[in-house]
Protein backbone atom coordinates (compact mmCIF):
# COMPACT_ATOMS: atom_id res chain seq x y z
CA MET A 1 38.34 32.39 -62.46
CA GLU A 2 39.17 28.84 -63.52
CA THR A 3 39.43 27.17 -60.12
CA GLU A 4 36.47 24.90 -60.91
CA ARG A 5 37.78 23.79 -64.30
CA ALA A 6 39.36 20.33 -64.39
CA SER A 7 42.86 20.35 -65.91
CA PRO A 8 43.61 17.50 -68.35
CA ARG A 9 47.15 17.46 -67.02
CA PHE A 10 45.98 16.14 -63.64
CA SER A 11 43.11 13.92 -64.83
CA ASP A 12 44.84 10.75 -63.66
CA ILE A 13 46.83 12.19 -60.74
CA ASP A 14 45.41 9.52 -58.44
CA ARG A 15 47.34 6.90 -60.46
CA TRP A 16 50.71 8.66 -60.26
CA GLU A 17 53.64 7.68 -58.11
CA PRO A 18 53.75 9.64 -54.80
CA GLY A 19 56.95 11.41 -55.79
CA ASP A 20 55.43 12.55 -59.09
CA ILE A 21 52.36 13.86 -57.26
CA LEU A 22 54.52 15.87 -54.89
CA ASP A 23 56.60 17.26 -57.77
CA ALA A 24 53.44 18.42 -59.54
CA LEU A 25 51.97 19.91 -56.36
CA ILE A 26 55.08 21.87 -55.42
CA GLU A 27 55.29 23.13 -59.00
CA SER A 28 51.69 24.35 -58.75
CA GLN A 29 52.46 26.07 -55.44
CA MET A 30 55.40 27.91 -56.99
CA ALA A 31 53.17 28.95 -59.90
CA ALA A 32 50.63 30.28 -57.38
CA VAL A 33 53.25 32.47 -55.72
CA ALA A 34 54.42 33.69 -59.15
CA ALA A 35 50.81 34.62 -59.98
CA VAL A 36 50.95 37.32 -57.29
CA ARG A 37 53.77 39.26 -58.98
CA PRO A 38 51.58 40.81 -61.72
CA ALA A 39 49.28 42.01 -58.92
CA LEU A 40 52.00 43.96 -57.07
CA PRO A 41 51.02 47.35 -58.56
CA ALA A 42 47.41 46.73 -57.50
CA ILE A 43 48.56 45.74 -53.99
CA GLU A 44 50.63 48.92 -53.77
CA ARG A 45 47.65 51.05 -54.81
CA ALA A 46 45.41 49.30 -52.29
CA ALA A 47 47.91 49.87 -49.46
CA ALA A 48 48.14 53.57 -50.29
CA ALA A 49 44.35 53.89 -50.28
CA MET A 50 44.10 52.02 -46.97
CA GLN A 51 46.75 54.10 -45.22
CA ALA A 52 44.78 57.34 -45.02
CA ARG A 53 41.76 55.75 -43.36
CA LEU A 54 43.70 53.51 -41.00
CA ALA A 55 45.99 56.37 -39.94
CA ALA A 56 42.85 58.25 -38.93
CA ASP A 57 41.58 55.53 -36.56
CA GLY A 58 39.54 53.59 -39.12
CA ARG A 59 38.89 49.89 -38.66
CA LEU A 60 40.35 47.06 -40.71
CA ILE A 61 37.69 44.51 -41.67
CA TYR A 62 38.29 41.13 -43.29
CA VAL A 63 35.44 39.34 -45.06
CA GLY A 64 35.27 35.87 -46.55
CA ALA A 65 33.74 32.40 -46.69
CA GLY A 66 35.22 28.91 -46.59
CA THR A 67 38.96 28.64 -47.32
CA SER A 68 39.18 32.29 -48.37
CA GLY A 69 37.50 33.39 -45.16
CA ARG A 70 39.80 31.32 -42.98
CA LEU A 71 42.86 32.75 -44.74
CA ALA A 72 41.48 36.27 -44.27
CA VAL A 73 40.83 35.67 -40.57
CA GLN A 74 44.35 34.31 -40.09
CA ASP A 75 45.93 37.35 -41.71
CA GLY A 76 43.88 39.73 -39.60
CA ALA A 77 44.50 37.89 -36.35
CA GLU A 78 48.27 37.95 -36.89
CA LEU A 79 48.32 41.76 -37.00
CA ILE A 80 47.65 42.02 -33.26
CA PRO A 81 50.75 40.19 -31.92
CA THR A 82 53.03 41.22 -34.80
CA PHE A 83 52.23 44.91 -35.12
CA ASN A 84 50.15 45.58 -32.00
CA TRP A 85 47.17 46.46 -34.19
CA PRO A 86 44.34 47.43 -31.79
CA ALA A 87 41.87 44.60 -31.31
CA ASP A 88 38.97 47.06 -31.22
CA ARG A 89 39.94 48.24 -34.71
CA LEU A 90 39.92 44.75 -36.23
CA LEU A 91 36.73 43.04 -37.40
CA LEU A 92 36.61 39.54 -38.89
CA LEU A 93 33.40 38.66 -40.76
CA MET A 94 33.29 34.96 -41.62
CA ALA A 95 30.36 33.27 -43.34
CA GLY A 96 28.95 30.88 -40.74
CA GLY A 97 30.63 32.70 -37.84
CA LYS A 98 33.31 31.29 -35.54
CA ASP A 99 32.13 27.69 -36.00
CA ALA A 100 33.09 27.91 -39.69
CA LEU A 101 36.73 28.42 -38.73
CA LEU A 102 37.00 24.77 -37.67
CA ARG A 103 34.36 23.01 -39.74
CA SER A 104 32.88 23.47 -43.17
CA ALA A 105 29.79 25.66 -43.41
CA GLU A 106 29.45 25.81 -47.18
CA GLY A 107 25.77 26.84 -47.11
CA ALA A 108 26.66 29.96 -45.17
CA GLU A 109 28.36 31.50 -48.19
CA ASP A 110 24.95 32.02 -49.81
CA GLU A 111 23.53 34.06 -46.90
CA ILE A 112 23.30 37.42 -48.64
CA ASP A 113 20.85 39.01 -46.20
CA GLN A 114 22.95 37.94 -43.20
CA ALA A 115 26.02 39.48 -44.79
CA ALA A 116 24.40 42.88 -45.26
CA ARG A 117 22.95 42.67 -41.77
CA LEU A 118 26.40 42.08 -40.26
CA VAL A 119 27.73 45.18 -41.98
CA ARG A 120 24.90 47.29 -40.59
CA GLN A 121 25.12 45.77 -37.10
CA ASN A 122 28.82 46.55 -36.90
CA GLN A 123 28.20 50.08 -38.19
CA ILE A 124 30.80 49.79 -40.91
CA GLY A 125 31.19 53.17 -42.56
CA ALA A 126 33.35 55.76 -44.30
CA ALA A 127 36.25 55.52 -41.84
CA ASP A 128 36.69 51.79 -42.41
CA VAL A 129 38.56 49.51 -44.83
CA VAL A 130 37.03 46.21 -45.97
CA ILE A 131 39.19 43.46 -47.48
CA ALA A 132 36.91 40.99 -49.25
CA VAL A 133 38.53 37.68 -50.20
CA ALA A 134 37.03 35.15 -52.62
CA ALA A 135 38.78 32.80 -55.03
CA SER A 136 35.98 33.13 -57.57
CA GLY A 137 35.28 36.79 -56.89
CA THR A 138 31.57 35.93 -56.84
CA THR A 139 30.91 34.33 -53.41
CA PRO A 140 27.48 35.73 -52.43
CA PHE A 141 28.24 36.36 -48.71
CA THR A 142 31.53 38.10 -49.47
CA VAL A 143 30.21 40.19 -52.36
CA SER A 144 27.13 41.20 -50.35
CA CYS A 145 29.30 42.35 -47.43
CA MET A 146 31.50 44.33 -49.77
CA ARG A 147 28.57 45.95 -51.57
CA GLU A 148 26.84 47.01 -48.36
CA ALA A 149 30.09 48.29 -46.83
CA LYS A 150 30.89 50.26 -49.98
CA ARG A 151 27.35 51.68 -50.05
CA ARG A 152 27.97 52.96 -46.53
CA GLY A 153 31.20 54.66 -47.60
CA ALA A 154 33.85 52.09 -46.64
CA LEU A 155 36.91 51.51 -48.83
CA ALA A 156 36.54 48.13 -50.56
CA ILE A 157 39.59 46.00 -51.39
CA GLY A 158 38.81 42.91 -53.49
CA ILE A 159 40.96 39.74 -53.53
CA ALA A 160 40.90 37.72 -55.90
CA ASN A 161 38.85 40.26 -57.81
CA ASN A 162 35.46 41.82 -58.18
CA ASP A 163 34.96 44.77 -60.50
CA GLU A 164 32.85 46.48 -57.85
CA ALA A 165 35.81 46.84 -55.48
CA ASP A 166 37.50 50.23 -55.17
CA CYS A 167 40.86 48.43 -55.34
CA PRO A 168 40.62 45.05 -57.11
CA ILE A 169 43.54 42.64 -56.79
CA TRP A 170 43.44 39.98 -59.49
CA LEU A 171 45.14 36.64 -58.83
CA ASP A 172 45.07 34.46 -61.93
CA THR A 173 46.09 31.03 -60.64
CA GLY A 174 44.22 28.96 -63.23
CA PRO A 175 42.78 25.46 -62.66
CA GLU A 176 43.72 23.53 -59.54
CA PRO A 177 45.54 20.16 -59.52
CA ILE A 178 42.38 18.92 -57.82
CA ALA A 179 39.53 20.77 -59.52
CA GLY A 180 37.73 23.19 -57.23
CA SER A 181 40.11 22.72 -54.29
CA THR A 182 40.88 26.38 -53.72
CA ARG A 183 42.88 25.57 -50.59
CA MET A 184 45.71 24.78 -53.00
CA LYS A 185 46.87 27.24 -55.71
CA ALA A 186 44.21 29.90 -55.16
CA GLY A 187 44.63 29.67 -51.39
CA THR A 188 48.40 30.01 -51.59
CA ALA A 189 48.15 33.08 -53.84
CA GLN A 190 45.56 34.64 -51.55
CA ARG A 191 47.72 34.02 -48.49
CA VAL A 192 50.73 35.64 -50.17
CA ALA A 193 48.71 38.64 -51.39
CA LEU A 194 47.12 39.19 -47.98
CA ASN A 195 50.50 38.96 -46.28
CA LEU A 196 52.07 41.44 -48.69
CA LEU A 197 49.16 43.87 -48.44
CA SER A 198 48.84 43.93 -44.65
CA THR A 199 52.60 44.05 -44.10
CA LEU A 200 53.04 46.96 -46.52
CA VAL A 201 50.21 48.84 -44.81
CA MET A 202 51.74 48.30 -41.36
CA ILE A 203 55.13 49.52 -42.60
CA ARG A 204 53.49 52.62 -44.12
CA LEU A 205 51.76 53.27 -40.80
CA GLY A 206 55.11 53.36 -38.97
CA ARG A 207 54.80 50.03 -37.19
CA VAL A 208 58.21 48.85 -38.46
CA HIS A 209 61.52 50.61 -37.81
CA GLU A 210 64.80 49.49 -39.39
CA GLY A 211 63.19 46.17 -40.29
CA LEU A 212 62.17 45.51 -36.68
CA MET A 213 58.75 45.01 -35.04
CA VAL A 214 58.91 48.10 -32.84
CA ASP A 215 55.21 48.00 -31.99
CA VAL A 216 55.44 44.56 -30.38
CA GLN A 217 54.23 44.74 -26.76
CA ALA A 218 56.27 43.01 -24.03
CA ILE A 219 53.39 41.10 -22.44
CA ASN A 220 55.07 37.74 -21.82
CA ALA A 221 58.58 36.39 -21.23
CA LYS A 222 59.25 35.66 -24.90
CA LEU A 223 58.12 39.11 -26.02
CA VAL A 224 60.08 40.80 -23.22
CA ARG A 225 63.23 39.11 -24.53
CA ARG A 226 62.35 40.10 -28.09
CA SER A 227 61.75 43.72 -27.04
CA GLU A 228 65.04 43.80 -25.17
CA ASN A 229 66.89 42.40 -28.18
CA ILE A 230 65.31 45.00 -30.48
CA LEU A 231 66.16 47.82 -28.07
CA ARG A 232 69.72 46.52 -27.71
CA ARG A 233 70.14 46.49 -31.48
CA LEU A 234 68.73 50.01 -31.86
CA SER A 235 70.42 51.64 -28.88
CA GLY A 236 73.47 49.56 -27.98
CA ARG A 237 72.59 49.93 -24.28
CA GLY A 238 73.17 47.40 -21.51
CA GLU A 239 70.74 44.88 -20.03
CA GLU A 240 69.85 46.88 -16.92
CA GLU A 241 69.12 50.07 -18.85
CA LEU A 242 66.98 48.21 -21.36
CA ARG A 243 64.84 46.55 -18.69
CA ASP A 244 64.44 49.77 -16.75
CA ALA A 245 63.34 51.66 -19.88
CA LEU A 246 60.84 48.97 -20.84
CA GLN A 247 59.41 48.93 -17.34
CA ARG A 248 59.04 52.72 -17.27
CA ALA A 249 57.42 52.57 -20.72
CA GLY A 250 54.89 49.96 -19.61
CA GLY A 251 56.24 47.49 -22.17
CA ASN A 252 55.92 49.94 -25.07
CA LEU A 253 59.09 49.52 -27.10
CA LYS A 254 58.88 52.86 -28.93
CA LYS A 255 58.45 54.76 -25.67
CA ALA A 256 61.31 52.77 -24.15
CA MET A 257 63.59 53.79 -27.02
CA LEU A 258 62.77 57.46 -26.44
CA ILE A 259 63.29 57.06 -22.69
CA LEU A 260 66.75 55.71 -23.46
CA GLN A 261 67.36 58.98 -25.32
CA GLY A 262 66.58 60.96 -22.17
CA CYS A 263 62.81 61.51 -22.42
CA THR A 264 60.38 60.99 -19.56
CA PRO A 265 57.51 58.53 -20.21
CA ASP A 266 55.11 61.45 -20.70
CA GLU A 267 57.47 63.21 -23.08
CA ALA A 268 57.95 59.98 -25.04
CA ALA A 269 54.18 59.54 -25.36
CA ALA A 270 53.75 63.15 -26.51
CA LEU A 271 56.51 62.86 -29.11
CA LEU A 272 55.05 59.65 -30.52
CA GLU A 273 51.61 61.21 -30.78
CA GLN A 274 53.09 64.23 -32.51
CA ALA A 275 55.01 61.94 -34.88
CA GLY A 276 51.94 59.89 -35.80
CA GLY A 277 53.46 56.83 -34.13
CA ARG A 278 56.60 56.85 -36.29
CA LEU A 279 59.65 56.17 -34.15
CA ARG A 280 62.08 57.66 -36.66
CA THR A 281 60.20 60.97 -36.63
CA ALA A 282 59.86 60.93 -32.83
CA LEU A 283 63.61 60.36 -32.42
CA ARG A 284 64.30 63.26 -34.77
CA LEU A 285 61.94 65.46 -32.74
CA ALA A 286 63.60 64.40 -29.51
CA GLY A 287 66.99 65.28 -30.96
CA SER A 288 65.72 68.66 -32.16
CA ALA A 289 64.27 69.41 -28.73
CA SER A 290 67.57 68.54 -27.06
CA GLU A 291 69.49 70.83 -29.41
CA ILE A 292 67.06 73.69 -28.78
CA ALA A 293 67.27 73.15 -25.02
CA SER A 294 71.07 73.16 -25.06
CA GLU A 295 71.10 76.52 -26.83
CA MET A 296 68.61 78.22 -24.52
CA PRO A 297 69.66 80.15 -21.40
CA THR A 298 69.22 78.62 -17.99
CA VAL A 299 66.27 79.71 -15.86
CA ASP A 300 66.74 79.34 -12.10
CA GLY A 301 69.38 76.73 -12.77
CA ASP A 302 67.14 74.68 -15.09
CA ILE A 303 67.46 74.28 -18.81
CA ALA A 304 64.47 75.61 -20.73
CA SER A 305 63.34 73.06 -23.27
CA ALA A 306 61.06 73.13 -26.24
CA VAL A 307 59.55 70.61 -28.65
CA PRO A 308 58.63 71.71 -32.18
CA ASP A 309 54.86 71.89 -32.48
CA LYS A 310 54.71 70.85 -36.11
CA VAL A 311 56.05 67.74 -37.85
CA GLU A 312 57.17 67.85 -41.44
CA GLY A 313 57.45 64.59 -43.41
CA ASN A 314 58.08 61.18 -41.84
């Protein structure tokens, strides 16, 4: 990585006109985003490898130090409100701990023993996925965490790259406009790569339906309105029906959508479990069950119903 190398182009940037500085900086930011495109195949491979473990209740663990660590923590934290990722299946390991999120703790990145200890203390193992983020690819804390986690069987994803990672994602952003300031080009590329990776994984896990955040939980007024708007778009139902379904579903949008199709809350929960959390599959199952029920004879005036006990595909 060349983040520490001074670029002759910017050697007198402090003498430039403000407008020229901004032009150069925005150009460098655009170049940083462009640097992610060659890494798209690697991001796709990493997402596929992550899916199997996370679909089976594995934990998602972000590791980093300094700017890279703060970017990693931000990406992880956003998964909870956006995709309702379970908080108990998210682990954020930052060199220097929580204090380093607000103030520099540069010495903490060299704490190799502490890094390995954190992995052991949190019992990271074969079910888990570790995303290690480092602009240089050599940060001691981050590499130590990744090595220990991999030794214990975890899947290791490396951003910006370390050859020891199971799935390395290389981001070649070159020298910074201000030498060594990885909050700039390298940070932008890391942020984009993390966003792409985590979003693709969440889509593959069924937490997006028709481009909508169907796993969002209606836990405050804003999110209730958002859930109602999503349900309205998916179902075309009226305000009263939407609110009643959400209430019966305990704020769970996917369950509410199935309730609007005629399921009870318990039936909706069972269908979603059978469908691996994928709303599209659960809706198909609900439709199949309704068709089967309509074709079966009545028993004591009731319609016998059945739900297929095996799901094929998504």
